[in-house]
């Protein structure tokens, strides 16, 4: 059987799906494992007939890479219209089956329903979270943080743990953007020892805080130090009493329930075993950052395709969302991308769309809304 199934030439409505070699299937599989298709596949690498992503009716001609990606996104959206009890492994098999064998078998396998599987995202009911896309954090974001925490004299805890150094001293606070903006009451909180982070004395400083600021770096360091510790619970308690948690770059991504770019090996890996759980201040949400600056616009697409319960947020540099309950508004200088398995591809062929500063969004209903004062 090895190699035979992948070389099978299936007929659909009198037209053939051309032979796909094993190495091409492996590349296709890498996409399903969330590798970057655009970088790994040269133009014309995949030699298949052009097939409509919705109906799987095959037409003539060989697709180029961009058309293949658009069709695959459309196909993924339809394939993910399945019962929530079906594991994503079945989805992966169904994608291959649908691509190779046509619509009839795929419908039988998928048990598709009327809408893509998703769950209502939500943020803190009493407090606020402010994930920021990295880069220069402007005064419009810092002013909002100050207003929500109670002013420039409010007690703020700064957590630099995502950064490279193993140790920090208070000098990091003196050159911190919050200090330069005029915040007067900053306290440092840092450890690489999760046992220490799980103690009451270490987490005590959070009890009096009105706000917390996570600096950037690598999000896996925050997972190693704080996930499911006493410190984590005190952060949640801060939100429960109306406090504010902000964070930039890695400090933004860690706020979601699903963690992207968490791999120790490098930040180009979107889904990393053992580092897929964030601190969860936003439920059913995955957050990416440096979006446009680092040309990451397509990186979240396979994540929400394989996990359609998630809402994906892509934050560009200098741009934030201020989330309270199920609503957020965009603050800053650039764009925020929305990734939703229900969206599919827009008129521009892209599987995401942008919000701008001043726009508002309902993360539970997954739609843009009018902003209220």
Protein backbone atom coordinates (compact mmCIF):
# COMPACT_ATOMS: atom_id res chain seq x y z
CA UNK A 1 0.00 0.00 0.00
CA UNK A 2 2.86 2.40 0.65
CA UNK A 3 2.88 4.97 -2.12
CA UNK A 4 -0.06 3.33 -3.88
CA UNK A 5 -2.81 5.39 -2.27
CA UNK A 6 -0.93 8.62 -2.86
CA UNK A 7 -0.45 7.69 -6.52
CA UNK A 8 -4.09 6.78 -7.00
CA UNK A 9 -5.82 8.65 -9.81
CA UNK A 10 -9.45 9.25 -8.81
CA UNK A 11 -12.13 10.26 -11.26
CA UNK A 12 -14.70 12.94 -10.40
CA UNK A 13 -17.39 13.92 -12.91
CA UNK A 14 -15.31 12.58 -15.77
CA UNK A 15 -12.21 14.62 -14.87
CA UNK A 16 -9.15 13.27 -13.15
CA UNK A 17 -7.23 14.54 -10.19
CA UNK A 18 -3.68 14.29 -11.45
CA UNK A 19 -1.10 12.05 -9.88
CA UNK A 20 0.37 13.51 -6.70
CA UNK A 21 3.80 12.20 -5.81
CA UNK A 22 4.74 11.11 -2.29
CA UNK A 23 7.01 14.08 -1.71
CA UNK A 24 4.16 16.44 -2.60
CA UNK A 25 1.87 14.68 -0.15
CA UNK A 26 4.55 15.10 2.51
CA UNK A 27 4.64 18.80 1.77
CA UNK A 28 0.85 18.91 1.96
CA UNK A 29 1.08 17.14 5.30
CA UNK A 30 3.53 19.73 6.54
CA UNK A 31 0.91 22.37 5.91
CA UNK A 32 -1.51 20.38 8.03
CA UNK A 33 1.18 20.36 10.70
CA UNK A 34 1.17 24.13 10.41
CA UNK A 35 4.34 24.66 8.44
CA UNK A 36 4.54 27.75 6.27
CA UNK A 37 3.21 26.77 2.84
CA UNK A 38 4.29 30.00 1.21
CA UNK A 39 7.92 29.48 2.15
CA UNK A 40 8.13 25.72 1.70
CA UNK A 41 6.48 25.36 -1.69
CA UNK A 42 7.86 26.97 -4.84
CA UNK A 43 5.42 28.03 -7.52
CA UNK A 44 3.71 25.15 -9.35
CA UNK A 45 5.13 22.59 -6.86
CA UNK A 46 1.74 20.95 -6.30
CA UNK A 47 0.50 19.49 -9.57
CA UNK A 48 -3.26 19.10 -9.14
CA UNK A 49 -6.24 20.20 -11.23
CA UNK A 50 -7.93 23.35 -10.02
CA UNK A 51 -10.84 22.32 -7.81
CA UNK A 52 -13.49 24.54 -6.39
CA UNK A 53 -12.92 24.71 -2.62
CA UNK A 54 -16.63 24.63 -1.87
CA UNK A 55 -18.00 21.99 -4.24
CA UNK A 56 -14.85 20.03 -5.02
CA UNK A 57 -15.84 20.14 -8.69
CA UNK A 58 -12.59 19.83 -10.61
CA UNK A 59 -11.72 21.98 -13.57
CA UNK A 60 -8.84 22.04 -15.97
CA UNK A 61 -5.47 23.67 -15.52
CA UNK A 62 -2.80 23.54 -12.89
CA UNK A 63 -3.10 25.96 -9.99
CA UNK A 64 -0.26 28.14 -8.88
CA UNK A 65 0.68 28.41 -5.22
CA UNK A 66 -1.49 31.38 -4.38
CA UNK A 67 -4.62 29.82 -5.90
CA UNK A 68 -3.87 26.56 -4.12
CA UNK A 69 -3.64 28.34 -0.78
CA UNK A 70 -6.92 30.18 -1.37
CA UNK A 71 -8.68 26.96 -2.38
CA UNK A 72 -7.21 25.10 0.57
CA UNK A 73 -8.45 27.74 2.98
CA UNK A 74 -11.93 27.44 1.48
CA UNK A 75 -11.73 23.65 1.68
CA UNK A 76 -10.54 23.77 5.28
CA UNK A 77 -13.48 25.97 6.22
CA UNK A 78 -15.94 23.46 4.81
CA UNK A 79 -14.07 20.49 6.22
CA UNK A 80 -14.26 21.99 9.67
CA UNK A 81 -18.07 22.01 9.60
CA UNK A 82 -18.16 18.88 11.73
CA UNK A 83 -19.47 17.64 15.04
CA UNK A 84 -17.43 18.90 18.00
CA UNK A 85 -16.72 15.35 19.15
CA UNK A 86 -14.64 14.61 16.06
CA UNK A 87 -10.95 14.96 16.79
CA UNK A 88 -8.81 17.19 14.58
CA UNK A 89 -6.97 14.04 13.47
CA UNK A 90 -10.12 12.99 11.63
CA UNK A 91 -10.24 16.43 10.06
CA UNK A 92 -6.71 15.93 8.76
CA UNK A 93 -7.62 12.57 7.24
CA UNK A 94 -10.76 14.06 5.77
CA UNK A 95 -8.81 16.87 4.12
CA UNK A 96 -6.60 14.33 2.37
CA UNK A 97 -9.60 12.16 1.46
CA UNK A 98 -11.52 15.11 0.06
CA UNK A 99 -8.55 16.28 -1.96
CA UNK A 100 -7.88 12.81 -3.40
CA UNK A 101 -11.32 11.26 -3.76
CA UNK A 102 -13.85 14.02 -4.36
CA UNK A 103 -16.98 15.37 -2.73
CA UNK A 104 -19.11 12.27 -2.12
CA UNK A 105 -16.66 10.51 0.16
CA UNK A 106 -15.69 13.73 1.92
CA UNK A 107 -19.30 14.52 2.82
CA UNK A 108 -19.74 11.00 4.16
CA UNK A 109 -16.62 11.34 6.28
CA UNK A 110 -17.19 14.83 7.56
CA UNK A 111 -20.81 14.74 8.79
CA UNK A 112 -20.89 18.45 8.08
CA UNK A 113 -23.26 20.80 9.86
CA UNK A 114 -24.58 24.25 9.03
CA UNK A 115 -21.83 26.30 10.67
CA UNK A 116 -18.16 25.95 11.47
CA UNK A 117 -17.35 24.76 14.94
CA UNK A 118 -16.46 27.61 17.27
CA UNK A 119 -16.90 28.70 20.86
CA UNK A 120 -17.74 32.15 22.23
CA UNK A 121 -14.59 33.99 23.23
CA UNK A 122 -14.60 36.17 26.33
CA UNK A 123 -12.39 38.39 28.44
CA UNK A 124 -12.53 39.46 32.08
CA UNK A 125 -15.98 40.44 33.31
CA UNK A 126 -14.69 43.07 35.72
CA UNK A 127 -11.17 43.91 34.65
CA UNK A 128 -9.39 44.69 31.39
CA UNK A 129 -6.68 43.10 29.33
CA UNK A 130 -4.58 45.01 26.81
CA UNK A 131 -2.48 42.87 24.47
CA UNK A 132 -0.11 45.02 22.38
CA UNK A 133 1.56 44.00 19.13
CA UNK A 134 5.11 44.95 20.11
CA UNK A 135 7.33 47.72 18.78
CA UNK A 136 7.02 51.27 20.06
CA UNK A 137 4.12 51.61 22.48
CA UNK A 138 2.61 55.03 21.90
CA UNK A 139 1.06 57.50 24.35
CA UNK A 140 -2.49 56.62 23.28
CA UNK A 141 -1.98 53.08 24.64
CA UNK A 142 -0.11 54.16 27.77
CA UNK A 143 -2.70 56.85 28.52
CA UNK A 144 -5.45 54.24 28.28
CA UNK A 145 -3.55 51.92 30.62
CA UNK A 146 -3.11 54.78 33.10
CA UNK A 147 -6.79 55.72 32.96
CA UNK A 148 -7.98 52.17 33.56
CA UNK A 149 -5.57 51.53 36.44
CA UNK A 150 -6.46 54.76 38.24
CA UNK A 151 -3.76 57.18 37.16
CA UNK A 152 0.01 57.51 36.96
CA UNK A 153 0.39 56.91 40.71
CA UNK A 154 -1.40 53.56 40.65
CA UNK A 155 0.61 50.54 41.89
CA UNK A 156 1.82 48.62 38.83
CA UNK A 157 3.72 45.33 38.74
CA UNK A 158 6.17 44.87 35.85
CA UNK A 159 6.98 41.29 34.80
CA UNK A 160 10.06 41.09 32.50
CA UNK A 161 10.36 37.29 32.65
CA UNK A 162 9.89 36.75 28.89
CA UNK A 163 13.22 38.51 28.30
CA UNK A 164 16.64 36.88 27.92
CA UNK A 165 18.36 37.67 31.26
CA UNK A 166 17.98 35.20 34.08
CA UNK A 167 18.02 37.97 36.68
CA UNK A 168 16.74 41.54 36.78
CA UNK A 169 17.15 44.36 39.27
CA UNK A 170 15.20 47.56 39.80
CA UNK A 171 17.31 49.42 37.26
CA UNK A 172 15.10 47.88 34.57
CA UNK A 173 12.24 49.94 35.98
CA UNK A 174 14.08 53.24 35.68
CA UNK A 175 14.40 52.90 31.91
CA UNK A 176 11.01 51.26 31.43
CA UNK A 177 8.48 52.85 29.03
CA UNK A 178 6.00 53.13 31.91
CA UNK A 179 8.47 55.18 33.94
CA UNK A 180 9.24 57.40 30.96
CA UNK A 181 5.51 57.97 30.55
CA UNK A 182 5.23 59.14 34.15
CA UNK A 183 4.16 56.10 36.18
CA UNK A 184 5.54 56.54 39.67
CA UNK A 185 4.75 53.31 41.54
CA UNK A 186 6.39 50.40 39.72
CA UNK A 187 7.34 47.07 41.31
CA UNK A 188 9.43 44.34 39.69
CA UNK A 189 8.26 40.72 39.77
CA UNK A 190 10.45 38.03 38.23
CA UNK A 191 11.64 34.48 38.71
CA UNK A 192 12.79 31.51 36.65
CA UNK A 193 11.77 29.18 39.49
CA UNK A 194 8.15 28.07 39.17
CA UNK A 195 8.28 26.61 42.69
CA UNK A 196 8.98 30.10 43.96
CA UNK A 197 6.23 31.50 41.74
CA UNK A 198 3.86 29.05 43.41
CA UNK A 199 4.40 30.56 46.87
CA UNK A 200 2.28 33.16 48.63
CA UNK A 201 5.19 35.47 49.56
CA UNK A 202 6.35 35.77 45.95
CA UNK A 203 2.85 36.53 44.65
CA UNK A 204 1.99 38.88 47.52
CA UNK A 205 2.87 42.06 45.63
CA UNK A 206 0.05 41.35 43.16
CA UNK A 207 -2.58 41.65 45.87
CA UNK A 208 -2.11 45.42 46.11
CA UNK A 209 -1.58 46.04 42.40
CA UNK A 210 -4.02 47.88 40.17
CA UNK A 211 -2.25 46.82 37.01
CA UNK A 212 0.33 44.41 35.60
CA UNK A 213 2.60 44.88 32.61
CA UNK A 214 4.24 41.92 30.81
CA UNK A 215 7.33 42.87 28.81
CA UNK A 216 8.25 41.17 25.54
CA UNK A 217 10.66 38.33 24.79
CA UNK A 218 9.78 34.65 24.43
CA UNK A 219 6.44 33.46 25.74
CA UNK A 220 7.66 29.96 26.70
CA UNK A 221 9.62 31.55 29.55
CA UNK A 222 6.37 32.89 30.99
CA UNK A 223 4.80 29.45 30.68
CA UNK A 224 7.72 27.79 32.45
CA UNK A 225 7.66 30.26 35.32
CA UNK A 226 4.01 31.08 35.96
CA UNK A 227 1.45 28.82 34.28
CA UNK A 228 -0.86 27.21 36.88
CA UNK A 229 1.03 28.64 39.84
CA UNK A 230 -0.02 30.84 42.76
CA UNK A 231 1.21 33.82 40.74
CA UNK A 232 -1.11 32.84 37.89
CA UNK A 233 -4.06 32.66 40.28
CA UNK A 234 -3.23 36.08 41.74
CA UNK A 235 -3.17 37.55 38.23
CA UNK A 236 -6.65 36.17 37.67
CA UNK A 237 -7.73 37.57 41.03
CA UNK A 238 -6.45 41.00 40.01
CA UNK A 239 -8.74 40.91 36.98
CA UNK A 240 -11.64 39.70 39.12
CA UNK A 241 -11.36 42.81 41.28
CA UNK A 242 -11.30 45.14 38.27
CA UNK A 243 -7.58 45.39 37.62
CA UNK A 244 -5.76 45.68 34.29
CA UNK A 245 -3.22 43.37 32.65
CA UNK A 246 -1.29 44.69 29.66
CA UNK A 247 1.56 43.14 27.74
CA UNK A 248 3.55 43.70 24.59
CA UNK A 249 4.78 41.14 22.05
CA UNK A 250 5.27 37.88 24.00
CA UNK A 251 3.44 39.67 26.82
CA UNK A 252 0.45 39.94 24.49
CA UNK A 253 0.44 36.37 23.19
CA UNK A 254 0.61 34.88 26.69
CA UNK A 255 -2.77 36.46 27.51
CA UNK A 256 -4.70 34.17 25.18
CA UNK A 257 -5.98 30.73 26.11
CA UNK A 258 -4.16 29.17 23.16
CA UNK A 259 -0.46 29.97 22.84
CA UNK A 260 1.12 30.46 19.43
CA UNK A 261 4.87 30.77 18.79
CA UNK A 262 5.57 29.07 22.10
CA UNK A 263 8.30 26.70 20.92
CA UNK A 264 11.66 26.86 22.62
CA UNK A 265 13.25 26.07 19.24
CA UNK A 266 12.17 29.35 17.68
CA UNK A 267 9.32 31.79 17.22
CA UNK A 268 8.48 30.69 13.67
CA UNK A 269 6.70 27.55 14.97
CA UNK A 270 3.05 28.40 15.49
CA UNK A 271 1.97 25.31 17.44
CA UNK A 272 4.42 23.61 19.78
CA UNK A 273 3.64 20.53 21.84
CA UNK A 274 3.93 21.37 25.53
CA UNK A 275 3.63 25.10 24.88
CA UNK A 276 0.10 25.54 23.57
CA UNK A 277 -1.56 26.87 26.73
CA UNK A 278 -1.45 30.54 27.58
CA UNK A 279 -2.46 32.21 30.82
CA UNK A 280 -6.02 32.35 29.49
CA UNK A 281 -7.13 35.87 30.40
CA UNK A 282 -8.95 35.69 27.05
CA UNK A 283 -10.77 32.39 26.52
CA UNK A 284 -10.94 30.72 23.10
CA UNK A 285 -8.49 33.29 21.75
CA UNK A 286 -5.03 33.03 20.16
CA UNK A 287 -2.93 36.20 19.79
CA UNK A 288 -0.12 36.93 17.36
CA UNK A 289 2.01 40.08 17.30
CA UNK A 290 4.40 42.11 15.09
CA UNK A 291 1.90 41.10 12.42
CA UNK A 292 2.44 43.38 9.43
CA UNK A 293 5.94 44.50 10.37
CA UNK A 294 7.22 40.91 10.25
CA UNK A 295 4.89 39.76 7.43
CA UNK A 296 3.04 37.26 9.60
CA UNK A 297 -0.41 37.85 8.13
CA UNK A 298 -0.90 34.25 6.94
CA UNK A 299 0.61 32.46 9.93
CA UNK A 300 -2.59 32.29 12.01
CA UNK A 301 -4.72 30.82 9.18
CA UNK A 302 -3.82 27.14 9.71
CA UNK A 303 -4.21 27.54 13.49
CA UNK A 304 -7.85 28.61 13.31
CA UNK A 305 -8.46 26.13 10.49
CA UNK A 306 -7.42 23.20 12.65
CA UNK A 307 -8.86 24.76 15.82
CA UNK A 308 -12.01 26.57 14.62
CA UNK A 309 -13.19 27.11 18.18
CA UNK A 310 -10.49 29.78 18.42
CA UNK A 311 -10.73 33.42 17.46
CA UNK A 312 -7.36 34.59 16.17
CA UNK A 313 -6.13 38.14 16.75
CA UNK A 314 -3.12 39.47 14.86
CA UNK A 315 -1.74 42.69 16.32
CA UNK A 316 0.64 44.89 14.40
CA UNK A 317 3.34 46.89 16.17
CA UNK A 318 2.23 49.92 18.14
CA UNK A 319 -1.35 48.65 18.19
CA UNK A 320 -3.46 47.15 20.97
CA UNK A 321 -6.93 45.93 21.77
CA UNK A 322 -8.56 46.88 25.06
CA UNK A 323 -10.77 43.98 26.09
CA UNK A 324 -13.52 44.02 28.70
CA UNK A 325 -16.04 41.20 28.82
CA UNK A 326 -16.77 40.24 25.24
CA UNK A 327 -15.97 43.60 23.64
CA UNK A 328 -12.79 45.33 22.58
CA UNK A 329 -11.73 48.51 20.87
CA UNK A 330 -8.58 49.05 18.83
CA UNK A 331 -6.01 51.59 20.04
CA UNK A 332 -2.75 52.60 18.42
CA UNK A 333 -1.30 53.39 15.02
CA UNK A 334 -1.75 50.33 12.78
CA UNK A 335 -4.08 47.35 12.23
CA UNK A 336 -5.53 44.31 13.98
CA UNK A 337 -6.33 41.22 11.92
CA UNK A 338 -9.31 38.98 12.71
CA UNK A 339 -9.03 35.23 12.01
CA UNK A 340 -12.29 33.30 12.16
CA UNK A 341 -12.97 29.85 10.71
CA UNK A 342 -16.46 31.07 9.78
CA UNK A 343 -15.04 33.83 7.60
CA UNK A 344 -13.31 31.75 4.97
CA UNK A 345 -11.94 34.01 2.24
CA UNK A 346 -13.09 37.56 1.65
CA UNK A 347 -13.47 39.41 -1.65
CA UNK A 348 -9.70 39.94 -1.66
CA UNK A 349 -9.11 36.18 -1.36
CA UNK A 350 -7.60 36.52 2.10
CA UNK A 351 -8.73 34.43 5.04
CA UNK A 352 -8.69 37.36 7.46
CA UNK A 353 -9.73 41.01 7.64
CA UNK A 354 -8.46 44.10 9.38
CA UNK A 355 -9.74 46.47 12.02
CA UNK A 356 -8.33 49.97 12.49
CA UNK A 357 -7.86 52.24 15.52
CA UNK A 358 -11.25 53.33 16.80
CA UNK A 359 -13.00 50.17 15.62
CA UNK A 360 -14.86 47.95 18.07
CA UNK A 361 -15.50 44.21 18.00
CA UNK A 362 -17.55 41.58 19.82
CA UNK A 363 -15.33 38.54 20.39
CA UNK A 364 -18.25 36.29 21.37
CA UNK A 365 -20.35 37.11 18.30
CA UNK A 366 -17.23 37.48 16.15
CA UNK A 367 -18.33 40.62 14.41
CA UNK A 368 -17.49 44.30 14.27
CA UNK A 369 -19.86 46.46 16.31
CA UNK A 370 -20.61 50.12 16.82
CA UNK A 371 -18.52 51.61 19.59
CA UNK A 372 -20.30 52.87 22.69
CA UNK A 373 -19.06 55.74 24.83
